[in-house]
Amino acid sequence: MFGLFKKKTEKEKLELEYKKLMKEAFELSKSNRSASDDKYAEADRILKKIETL
């Protein structure tokens, strides 16, 4: 309850964005491989940002 209004750190925000992109990329891999590759590339850039933090 006390963590209800706690702001997320930059790392937490990036991790959520990374998970979202990986899920989208997986879903796209079933139908549109090119778009899936773009999502994976974007997720990879976010992962590199996370690693630098």
PDB file of N, CA and C in Angstrom:
ATOM      1  N   MET A   1       0.816  -1.192   0.000  1.00  0.00           N
ATOM      2  CA  MET A   1       0.000   0.000   0.000  1.00  0.00           C
ATOM      3  C   MET A   1       0.855   1.248   0.000  1.00  0.00           C
ATOM      4  N   PHE A   2       1.994   1.199   0.689  1.00  0.00           N
ATOM      5  CA  PHE A   2       2.834   2.386   0.775  1.00  0.00           C
ATOM      6  C   PHE A   2       3.581   2.650  -0.522  1.00  0.00           C
ATOM      7  N   GLY A   3       3.755   1.626  -1.354  1.00  0.00           N
ATOM      8  CA  GLY A   3       4.429   1.794  -2.635  1.00  0.00           C
ATOM      9  C   GLY A   3       3.479   2.203  -3.745  1.00  0.00           C
ATOM     10  N   LEU A   4       2.246   2.529  -3.381  1.00  0.00           N
ATOM     11  CA  LEU A   4       1.222   2.840  -4.360  1.00  0.00           C
ATOM     12  C   LEU A   4       1.570   4.060  -5.201  1.00  0.00           C
ATOM     13  N   PHE A   5       2.133   5.074  -4.593  1.00  0.00           N
ATOM     14  CA  PHE A   5       2.411   6.323  -5.294  1.00  0.00           C
ATOM     15  C   PHE A   5       3.892   6.510  -5.587  1.00  0.00           C
ATOM     16  N   LYS A   6       4.652   5.454  -5.425  1.00  0.00           N
ATOM     17  CA  LYS A   6       6.082   5.518  -5.676  1.00  0.00           C
ATOM     18  C   LYS A   6       6.324   5.654  -7.179  1.00  0.00           C
ATOM     19  N   LYS A   7       7.175   6.597  -7.557  1.00  0.00           N
ATOM     20  CA  LYS A   7       7.497   6.778  -8.965  1.00  0.00           C
ATOM     21  C   LYS A   7       8.439   5.679  -9.413  1.00  0.00           C
ATOM     22  N   LYS A   8       8.291   5.286 -10.663  1.00  0.00           N
ATOM     23  CA  LYS A   8       9.154   4.263 -11.220  1.00  0.00           C
ATOM     24  C   LYS A   8      10.482   4.890 -11.623  1.00  0.00           C
ATOM     25  N   THR A   9      11.531   4.111 -11.450  1.00  0.00           N
ATOM     26  CA  THR A   9      12.842   4.583 -11.858  1.00  0.00           C
ATOM     27  C   THR A   9      12.959   4.474 -13.370  1.00  0.00           C
ATOM     28  N   GLU A  10      13.981   5.105 -13.908  1.00  0.00           N
ATOM     29  CA  GLU A  10      14.217   5.053 -15.351  1.00  0.00           C
ATOM     30  C   GLU A  10      14.436   3.608 -15.806  1.00  0.00           C
ATOM     31  N   LYS A  11      15.145   2.839 -14.996  1.00  0.00           N
ATOM     32  CA  LYS A  11      15.420   1.444 -15.336  1.00  0.00           C
ATOM     33  C   LYS A  11      14.123   0.636 -15.377  1.00  0.00           C
ATOM     34  N   GLU A  12      13.241   0.849 -14.418  1.00  0.00           N
ATOM     35  CA  GLU A  12      11.966   0.131 -14.394  1.00  0.00           C
ATOM     36  C   GLU A  12      11.125   0.470 -15.617  1.00  0.00           C
ATOM     37  N   LYS A  13      11.119   1.743 -16.010  1.00  0.00           N
ATOM     38  CA  LYS A  13      10.363   2.154 -17.194  1.00  0.00           C
ATOM     39  C   LYS A  13      10.917   1.484 -18.441  1.00  0.00           C
ATOM     40  N   LEU A  14      12.248   1.452 -18.560  1.00  0.00           N
ATOM     41  CA  LEU A  14      12.869   0.833 -19.723  1.00  0.00           C
ATOM     42  C   LEU A  14      12.609  -0.671 -19.761  1.00  0.00           C
ATOM     43  N   GLU A  15      12.622  -1.312 -18.594  1.00  0.00           N
ATOM     44  CA  GLU A  15      12.357  -2.746 -18.544  1.00  0.00           C
ATOM     45  C   GLU A  15      10.929  -3.062 -18.984  1.00  0.00           C
ATOM     46  N   LEU A  16       9.980  -2.241 -18.583  1.00  0.00           N
ATOM     47  CA  LEU A  16       8.596  -2.444 -19.014  1.00  0.00           C
ATOM     48  C   LEU A  16       8.460  -2.246 -20.521  1.00  0.00           C
ATOM     49  N   GLU A  17       9.118  -1.227 -21.043  1.00  0.00           N
ATOM     50  CA  GLU A  17       9.093  -0.961 -22.478  1.00  0.00           C
ATOM     51  C   GLU A  17       9.726  -2.121 -23.250  1.00  0.00           C
ATOM     52  N   TYR A  18      10.819  -2.655 -22.719  1.00  0.00           N
ATOM     53  CA  TYR A  18      11.505  -3.782 -23.348  1.00  0.00           C
ATOM     54  C   TYR A  18      10.592  -5.013 -23.413  1.00  0.00           C
ATOM     55  N   LYS A  19       9.939  -5.310 -22.301  1.00  0.00           N
ATOM     56  CA  LYS A  19       9.033  -6.468 -22.269  1.00  0.00           C
ATOM     57  C   LYS A  19       7.885  -6.295 -23.255  1.00  0.00           C
ATOM     58  N   LYS A  20       7.358  -5.076 -23.339  1.00  0.00           N
ATOM     59  CA  LYS A  20       6.256  -4.801 -24.256  1.00  0.00           C
ATOM     60  C   LYS A  20       6.701  -4.998 -25.703  1.00  0.00           C
ATOM     61  N   LEU A  21       7.886  -4.493 -26.040  1.00  0.00           N
ATOM     62  CA  LEU A  21       8.380  -4.628 -27.398  1.00  0.00           C
ATOM     63  C   LEU A  21       8.671  -6.077 -27.759  1.00  0.00           C
ATOM     64  N   MET A  22       9.207  -6.837 -26.814  1.00  0.00           N
ATOM     65  CA  MET A  22       9.495  -8.243 -27.085  1.00  0.00           C
ATOM     66  C   MET A  22       8.196  -9.029 -27.317  1.00  0.00           C
ATOM     67  N   LYS A  23       7.168  -8.698 -26.574  1.00  0.00           N
ATOM     68  CA  LYS A  23       5.878  -9.373 -26.761  1.00  0.00           C
ATOM     69  C   LYS A  23       5.298  -9.026 -28.131  1.00  0.00           C
ATOM     70  N   GLU A  24       5.369  -7.747 -28.515  1.00  0.00           N
ATOM     71  CA  GLU A  24       4.869  -7.331 -29.822  1.00  0.00           C
ATOM     72  C   GLU A  24       5.660  -8.005 -30.936  1.00  0.00           C
ATOM     73  N   ALA A  25       6.969  -8.079 -30.780  1.00  0.00           N
ATOM     74  CA  ALA A  25       7.819  -8.704 -31.796  1.00  0.00           C
ATOM     75  C   ALA A  25       7.464 -10.175 -31.951  1.00  0.00           C
ATOM     76  N   PHE A  26       7.214 -10.850 -30.843  1.00  0.00           N
ATOM     77  CA  PHE A  26       6.840 -12.258 -30.909  1.00  0.00           C
ATOM     78  C   PHE A  26       5.522 -12.442 -31.656  1.00  0.00           C
ATOM     79  N   GLU A  27       4.553 -11.598 -31.343  1.00  0.00           N
ATOM     80  CA  GLU A  27       3.259 -11.697 -32.019  1.00  0.00           C
ATOM     81  C   GLU A  27       3.394 -11.412 -33.510  1.00  0.00           C
ATOM     82  N   LEU A  28       4.221 -10.432 -33.863  1.00  0.00           N
ATOM     83  CA  LEU A  28       4.412 -10.096 -35.270  1.00  0.00           C
ATOM     84  C   LEU A  28       5.187 -11.176 -36.018  1.00  0.00           C
ATOM     85  N   SER A  29       6.003 -11.930 -35.306  1.00  0.00           N
ATOM     86  CA  SER A  29       6.805 -12.953 -35.973  1.00  0.00           C
ATOM     87  C   SER A  29       5.934 -14.029 -36.612  1.00  0.00           C
ATOM     88  N   LYS A  30       4.718 -14.137 -36.159  1.00  0.00           N
ATOM     89  CA  LYS A  30       3.795 -15.128 -36.720  1.00  0.00           C
ATOM     90  C   LYS A  30       3.203 -14.680 -38.050  1.00  0.00           C
ATOM     91  N   SER A  31       3.179 -13.360 -38.290  1.00  0.00           N
ATOM     92  CA  SER A  31       2.519 -12.867 -39.491  1.00  0.00           C
ATOM     93  C   SER A  31       3.397 -11.985 -40.363  1.00  0.00           C
ATOM     94  N   ASN A  32       4.198 -11.105 -39.759  1.00  0.00           N
ATOM     95  CA  ASN A  32       4.978 -10.146 -40.536  1.00  0.00           C
ATOM     96  C   ASN A  32       6.414 -10.144 -40.013  1.00  0.00           C
ATOM     97  N   ARG A  33       7.265 -10.898 -40.666  1.00  0.00           N
ATOM     98  CA  ARG A  33       8.634 -11.092 -40.179  1.00  0.00           C
ATOM     99  C   ARG A  33       9.442  -9.790 -40.200  1.00  0.00           C
ATOM    100  N   SER A  34       9.246  -8.966 -41.208  1.00  0.00           N
ATOM    101  CA  SER A  34       9.997  -7.718 -41.317  1.00  0.00           C
ATOM    102  C   SER A  34       9.675  -6.769 -40.156  1.00  0.00           C
ATOM    103  N   ALA A  35       8.406  -6.622 -39.855  1.00  0.00           N
ATOM    104  CA  ALA A  35       8.003  -5.760 -38.740  1.00  0.00           C
ATOM    105  C   ALA A  35       8.498  -6.335 -37.418  1.00  0.00           C
ATOM    106  N   SER A  36       8.507  -7.657 -37.327  1.00  0.00           N
ATOM    107  CA  SER A  36       9.005  -8.313 -36.118  1.00  0.00           C
ATOM    108  C   SER A  36      10.485  -8.001 -35.912  1.00  0.00           C
ATOM    109  N   ASP A  37      11.259  -8.051 -36.983  1.00  0.00           N
ATOM    110  CA  ASP A  37      12.692  -7.741 -36.893  1.00  0.00           C
ATOM    111  C   ASP A  37      12.919  -6.302 -36.449  1.00  0.00           C
ATOM    112  N   ASP A  38      12.074  -5.390 -36.922  1.00  0.00           N
ATOM    113  CA  ASP A  38      12.184  -3.989 -36.499  1.00  0.00           C
ATOM    114  C   ASP A  38      11.924  -3.843 -35.004  1.00  0.00           C
ATOM    115  N   LYS A  39      10.925  -4.552 -34.500  1.00  0.00           N
ATOM    116  CA  LYS A  39      10.609  -4.498 -33.065  1.00  0.00           C
ATOM    117  C   LYS A  39      11.743  -5.082 -32.233  1.00  0.00           C
ATOM    118  N   TYR A  40      12.332  -6.201 -32.722  1.00  0.00           N
ATOM    119  CA  TYR A  40      13.461  -6.792 -32.008  1.00  0.00           C
ATOM    120  C   TYR A  40      14.644  -5.830 -31.964  1.00  0.00           C
ATOM    121  N   ALA A  41      14.873  -5.109 -33.055  1.00  0.00           N
ATOM    122  CA  ALA A  41      15.974  -4.147 -33.094  1.00  0.00           C
ATOM    123  C   ALA A  41      15.731  -3.012 -32.105  1.00  0.00           C
ATOM    124  N   GLU A  42      14.501  -2.548 -32.041  1.00  0.00           N
ATOM    125  CA  GLU A  42      14.152  -1.476 -31.101  1.00  0.00           C
ATOM    126  C   GLU A  42      14.300  -1.965 -29.654  1.00  0.00           C
ATOM    127  N   ALA A  43      13.883  -3.196 -29.400  1.00  0.00           N
ATOM    128  CA  ALA A  43      14.018  -3.777 -28.071  1.00  0.00           C
ATOM    129  C   ALA A  43      15.490  -3.927 -27.702  1.00  0.00           C
ATOM    130  N   ASP A  44      16.317  -4.267 -28.676  1.00  0.00           N
ATOM    131  CA  ASP A  44      17.753  -4.408 -28.433  1.00  0.00           C
ATOM    132  C   ASP A  44      18.375  -3.070 -28.031  1.00  0.00           C
ATOM    133  N   ARG A  45      17.942  -1.988 -28.670  1.00  0.00           N
ATOM    134  CA  ARG A  45      18.449  -0.654 -28.302  1.00  0.00           C
ATOM    135  C   ARG A  45      18.073  -0.315 -26.858  1.00  0.00           C
ATOM    136  N   ILE A  46      16.871  -0.651 -26.462  1.00  0.00           N
ATOM    137  CA  ILE A  46      16.426  -0.385 -25.087  1.00  0.00           C
ATOM    138  C   ILE A  46      17.218  -1.239 -24.109  1.00  0.00           C
ATOM    139  N   LEU A  47      17.482  -2.498 -24.481  1.00  0.00           N
ATOM    140  CA  LEU A  47      18.266  -3.376 -23.621  1.00  0.00           C
ATOM    141  C   LEU A  47      19.668  -2.813 -23.398  1.00  0.00           C
ATOM    142  N   LYS A  48      20.249  -2.230 -24.418  1.00  0.00           N
ATOM    143  CA  LYS A  48      21.588  -1.618 -24.271  1.00  0.00           C
ATOM    144  C   LYS A  48      21.534  -0.422 -23.330  1.00  0.00           C
ATOM    145  N   LYS A  49      20.440   0.350 -23.385  1.00  0.00           N
ATOM    146  CA  LYS A  49      20.285   1.466 -22.443  1.00  0.00           C
ATOM    147  C   LYS A  49      20.194   0.959 -21.015  1.00  0.00           C
ATOM    148  N   ILE A  50      19.447  -0.137 -20.827  1.00  0.00           N
ATOM    149  CA  ILE A  50      19.299  -0.720 -19.498  1.00  0.00           C
ATOM    150  C   ILE A  50      20.652  -1.164 -18.973  1.00  0.00           C
ATOM    151  N   GLU A  51      21.447  -1.793 -19.831  1.00  0.00           N
ATOM    152  CA  GLU A  51      22.763  -2.284 -19.410  1.00  0.00           C
ATOM    153  C   GLU A  51      23.707  -1.159 -19.009  1.00  0.00           C
ATOM    154  N   THR A  52      23.553   0.018 -19.633  1.00  0.00           N
ATOM    155  CA  THR A  52      24.426   1.131 -19.284  1.00  0.00           C
ATOM    156  C   THR A  52      24.052   1.753 -17.951  1.00  0.00           C
ATOM    157  N   LEU A  53      22.821   1.548 -17.496  1.00  0.00           N
ATOM    158  CA  LEU A  53      22.394   2.128 -16.193  1.00  0.00           C
ATOM    159  C   LEU A  53      22.918   1.371 -15.034  1.00  0.00           C
TER     160      LEU A  53
END
